[in-house]
Amino acid sequence: MVWQIISVVALCVAVCACIIAFSFLSRLKQVQKTHQDSEAKLLTQQTINKNEIAEIRSGLLKIGKHVMELQSEAQELKQKQQDIQLADPESKIYSRAVKMITLGADIDEIMRECELPRAEAELLFTLHQKEG
């Protein structure tokens, strides 16, 4: 009879252990499913982010290329402007007069050094004093 009681108690303990184990297994499966769902969402977001980065990179490359073209054009225009100034002797005189004004020369000095009439010297003086 003692063996029967021990057997019944052991059977009850085993059944309780099985119930607890199944409960833990069920909870573990729920946690695993949650992690799998989270992982799937993260992978989807990662793909979206990669695509957006590729689009941004492509746009930046286009912008960079455009900026380089604009810089090249600006450099060409600057060179052409300098060529025109060097080709035009009057332009040299005015450029020199402007430089003298920026260095602090007065109207009489500009007239004497650049051989400009007073009206032109005064006009240059007035224009470039306002810029400064």
C-alpha atoms as a PDB file:
ATOM      1  CA  MET A   1       0.000   0.000   0.000  1.00  0.00           C
ATOM      2  CA  VAL A   2       2.855   2.410   0.714  1.00  0.00           C
ATOM      3  CA  TRP A   3       4.174   1.638  -2.737  1.00  0.00           C
ATOM      4  CA  GLN A   4       0.867   2.530  -4.263  1.00  0.00           C
ATOM      5  CA  ILE A   5       0.755   5.866  -2.443  1.00  0.00           C
ATOM      6  CA  ILE A   6       4.320   6.635  -3.476  1.00  0.00           C
ATOM      7  CA  SER A   7       3.439   5.690  -7.060  1.00  0.00           C
ATOM      8  CA  VAL A   8       0.351   7.928  -7.069  1.00  0.00           C
ATOM      9  CA  VAL A   9       2.327  10.836  -5.571  1.00  0.00           C
ATOM     10  CA  ALA A  10       5.117  10.277  -8.103  1.00  0.00           C
ATOM     11  CA  LEU A  11       2.548  10.160 -10.899  1.00  0.00           C
ATOM     12  CA  CYS A  12       0.978  13.430  -9.644  1.00  0.00           C
ATOM     13  CA  VAL A  13       4.414  15.084  -9.457  1.00  0.00           C
ATOM     14  CA  ALA A  14       5.210  13.878 -12.986  1.00  0.00           C
ATOM     15  CA  VAL A  15       1.884  15.163 -14.331  1.00  0.00           C
ATOM     16  CA  CYS A  16       2.452  18.561 -12.629  1.00  0.00           C
ATOM     17  CA  ALA A  17       6.003  18.690 -14.030  1.00  0.00           C
ATOM     18  CA  CYS A  18       4.637  17.937 -17.530  1.00  0.00           C
ATOM     19  CA  ILE A  19       1.983  20.663 -17.198  1.00  0.00           C
ATOM     20  CA  ILE A  20       4.616  23.188 -16.056  1.00  0.00           C
ATOM     21  CA  ALA A  21       6.962  22.110 -18.872  1.00  0.00           C
ATOM     22  CA  PHE A  22       4.208  22.509 -21.483  1.00  0.00           C
ATOM     23  CA  SER A  23       3.332  25.905 -20.021  1.00  0.00           C
ATOM     24  CA  PHE A  24       6.966  27.034 -20.302  1.00  0.00           C
ATOM     25  CA  LEU A  25       7.194  25.586 -23.811  1.00  0.00           C
ATOM     26  CA  SER A  26       4.051  27.500 -24.841  1.00  0.00           C
ATOM     27  CA  ARG A  27       5.440  30.750 -23.427  1.00  0.00           C
ATOM     28  CA  LEU A  28       8.793  30.115 -25.127  1.00  0.00           C
ATOM     29  CA  LYS A  29       7.023  29.653 -28.470  1.00  0.00           C
ATOM     30  CA  GLN A  30       5.179  32.955 -27.977  1.00  0.00           C
ATOM     31  CA  VAL A  31       8.436  34.761 -27.229  1.00  0.00           C
ATOM     32  CA  GLN A  32      10.086  33.119 -30.252  1.00  0.00           C
ATOM     33  CA  LYS A  33       7.192  34.226 -32.501  1.00  0.00           C
ATOM     34  CA  THR A  34       7.467  37.784 -31.172  1.00  0.00           C
ATOM     35  CA  HIS A  35      11.200  37.797 -31.912  1.00  0.00           C
ATOM     36  CA  GLN A  36      10.629  36.423 -35.405  1.00  0.00           C
ATOM     37  CA  ASP A  37       8.033  39.127 -36.099  1.00  0.00           C
ATOM     38  CA  SER A  38      10.417  41.803 -34.816  1.00  0.00           C
ATOM     39  CA  GLU A  39      13.225  40.408 -36.930  1.00  0.00           C
ATOM     40  CA  ALA A  40      11.028  40.440 -40.036  1.00  0.00           C
ATOM     41  CA  LYS A  41      10.061  44.067 -39.376  1.00  0.00           C
ATOM     42  CA  LEU A  42      13.703  45.024 -38.873  1.00  0.00           C
ATOM     43  CA  LEU A  43      14.727  43.318 -42.112  1.00  0.00           C
ATOM     44  CA  THR A  44      11.970  45.151 -43.988  1.00  0.00           C
ATOM     45  CA  GLN A  45      13.045  48.479 -42.478  1.00  0.00           C
ATOM     46  CA  GLN A  46      16.671  47.694 -43.297  1.00  0.00           C
ATOM     47  CA  THR A  47      15.750  47.121 -46.950  1.00  0.00           C
ATOM     48  CA  ILE A  48      13.808  50.392 -47.028  1.00  0.00           C
ATOM     49  CA  ASN A  49      16.764  52.230 -45.460  1.00  0.00           C
ATOM     50  CA  LYS A  50      19.214  50.726 -47.971  1.00  0.00           C
ATOM     51  CA  ASN A  51      17.010  51.854 -50.856  1.00  0.00           C
ATOM     52  CA  GLU A  52      16.716  55.368 -49.435  1.00  0.00           C
ATOM     53  CA  ILE A  53      20.481  55.584 -48.932  1.00  0.00           C
ATOM     54  CA  ALA A  54      21.034  54.464 -52.523  1.00  0.00           C
ATOM     55  CA  GLU A  55      18.640  57.181 -53.759  1.00  0.00           C
ATOM     56  CA  ILE A  56      20.343  59.836 -51.626  1.00  0.00           C
ATOM     57  CA  ARG A  57      23.778  58.725 -52.824  1.00  0.00           C
ATOM     58  CA  SER A  58      22.620  58.898 -56.431  1.00  0.00           C
ATOM     59  CA  GLY A  59      21.193  62.377 -55.889  1.00  0.00           C
ATOM     60  CA  LEU A  60      24.383  63.564 -54.201  1.00  0.00           C
ATOM     61  CA  LEU A  61      26.472  62.273 -57.081  1.00  0.00           C
ATOM     62  CA  LYS A  62      24.296  64.178 -59.551  1.00  0.00           C
ATOM     63  CA  ILE A  63      24.510  67.333 -57.442  1.00  0.00           C
ATOM     64  CA  GLY A  64      28.274  66.938 -57.112  1.00  0.00           C
ATOM     65  CA  LYS A  65      28.637  66.551 -60.854  1.00  0.00           C
ATOM     66  CA  HIS A  66      26.465  69.624 -61.438  1.00  0.00           C
ATOM     67  CA  VAL A  67      28.496  71.658 -58.921  1.00  0.00           C
ATOM     68  CA  MET A  68      31.719  70.644 -60.655  1.00  0.00           C
ATOM     69  CA  GLU A  69      30.273  71.707 -64.013  1.00  0.00           C
ATOM     70  CA  LEU A  70      29.207  75.052 -62.543  1.00  0.00           C
ATOM     71  CA  GLN A  71      32.644  75.569 -61.012  1.00  0.00           C
ATOM     72  CA  SER A  72      34.234  74.823 -64.352  1.00  0.00           C
ATOM     73  CA  GLU A  73      31.929  77.279 -66.109  1.00  0.00           C
ATOM     74  CA  ALA A  74      32.605  79.931 -63.465  1.00  0.00           C
ATOM     75  CA  GLN A  75      36.340  79.434 -63.896  1.00  0.00           C
ATOM     76  CA  GLU A  76      35.994  79.750 -67.679  1.00  0.00           C
ATOM     77  CA  LEU A  77      33.941  82.940 -67.302  1.00  0.00           C
ATOM     78  CA  LYS A  78      36.474  84.355 -64.871  1.00  0.00           C
ATOM     79  CA  GLN A  79      39.272  83.602 -67.317  1.00  0.00           C
ATOM     80  CA  LYS A  80      37.331  85.179 -70.192  1.00  0.00           C
ATOM     81  CA  GLN A  81      36.671  88.270 -68.085  1.00  0.00           C
ATOM     82  CA  GLN A  82      40.363  88.563 -67.282  1.00  0.00           C
ATOM     83  CA  ASP A  83      41.239  88.102 -70.960  1.00  0.00           C
ATOM     84  CA  ILE A  84      38.801  90.867 -71.918  1.00  0.00           C
ATOM     85  CA  GLN A  85      40.229  93.172 -69.263  1.00  0.00           C
ATOM     86  CA  LEU A  86      43.759  92.555 -70.495  1.00  0.00           C
ATOM     87  CA  ALA A  87      42.748  93.062 -74.120  1.00  0.00           C
ATOM     88  CA  ASP A  88      40.992  96.373 -73.461  1.00  0.00           C
ATOM     89  CA  PRO A  89      43.549  99.088 -72.582  1.00  0.00           C
ATOM     90  CA  GLU A  90      40.875 101.336 -71.073  1.00  0.00           C
ATOM     91  CA  SER A  91      39.828  98.499 -68.819  1.00  0.00           C
ATOM     92  CA  LYS A  92      43.359  98.347 -67.439  1.00  0.00           C
ATOM     93  CA  ILE A  93      43.183 102.006 -66.568  1.00  0.00           C
ATOM     94  CA  TYR A  94      39.861 101.591 -64.758  1.00  0.00           C
ATOM     95  CA  SER A  95      41.024  98.450 -62.977  1.00  0.00           C
ATOM     96  CA  ARG A  96      44.120 100.276 -61.810  1.00  0.00           C
ATOM     97  CA  ALA A  97      42.020 103.233 -60.679  1.00  0.00           C
ATOM     98  CA  VAL A  98      39.690 100.948 -58.694  1.00  0.00           C
ATOM     99  CA  LYS A  99      42.656  99.255 -57.080  1.00  0.00           C
ATOM    100  CA  MET A 100      44.087 102.642 -56.125  1.00  0.00           C
ATOM    101  CA  ILE A 101      40.736 103.656 -54.613  1.00  0.00           C
ATOM    102  CA  THR A 102      40.637 100.495 -52.504  1.00  0.00           C
ATOM    103  CA  LEU A 103      44.172 101.247 -51.333  1.00  0.00           C
ATOM    104  CA  GLY A 104      43.098 104.743 -50.227  1.00  0.00           C
ATOM    105  CA  ALA A 105      44.206 107.037 -53.065  1.00  0.00           C
ATOM    106  CA  ASP A 106      42.430 110.365 -53.459  1.00  0.00           C
ATOM    107  CA  ILE A 107      40.765 111.736 -56.609  1.00  0.00           C
ATOM    108  CA  ASP A 108      43.713 113.939 -57.656  1.00  0.00           C
ATOM    109  CA  GLU A 109      46.142 111.018 -57.403  1.00  0.00           C
ATOM    110  CA  ILE A 110      43.816 108.800 -59.466  1.00  0.00           C
ATOM    111  CA  MET A 111      43.470 111.523 -62.127  1.00  0.00           C
ATOM    112  CA  ARG A 112      47.233 112.002 -62.317  1.00  0.00           C
ATOM    113  CA  GLU A 113      48.303 108.306 -62.276  1.00  0.00           C
ATOM    114  CA  CYS A 114      45.550 106.915 -64.541  1.00  0.00           C
ATOM    115  CA  GLU A 115      45.166 109.989 -66.755  1.00  0.00           C
ATOM    116  CA  LEU A 116      41.415 110.119 -66.193  1.00  0.00           C
ATOM    117  CA  PRO A 117      39.211 113.201 -66.399  1.00  0.00           C
ATOM    118  CA  ARG A 118      37.917 114.491 -63.066  1.00  0.00           C
ATOM    119  CA  ALA A 119      34.322 113.397 -63.777  1.00  0.00           C
ATOM    120  CA  GLU A 120      35.367 109.768 -64.419  1.00  0.00           C
ATOM    121  CA  ALA A 121      37.681 109.718 -61.414  1.00  0.00           C
ATOM    122  CA  GLU A 122      34.929 111.103 -59.186  1.00  0.00           C
ATOM    123  CA  LEU A 123      32.434 108.583 -60.543  1.00  0.00           C
ATOM    124  CA  LEU A 124      34.800 105.660 -59.903  1.00  0.00           C
ATOM    125  CA  PHE A 125      35.639 107.064 -56.500  1.00  0.00           C
ATOM    126  CA  THR A 126      31.962 107.371 -55.561  1.00  0.00           C
ATOM    127  CA  LEU A 127      31.037 103.912 -56.875  1.00  0.00           C
ATOM    128  CA  HIS A 128      33.857 102.046 -55.218  1.00  0.00           C
ATOM    129  CA  GLN A 129      33.720 103.881 -51.936  1.00  0.00           C
ATOM    130  CA  LYS A 130      30.112 102.678 -51.557  1.00  0.00           C
ATOM    131  CA  GLU A 131      31.160  99.073 -52.296  1.00  0.00           C
ATOM    132  CA  GLY A 132      33.827  99.212 -49.612  1.00  0.00           C
END
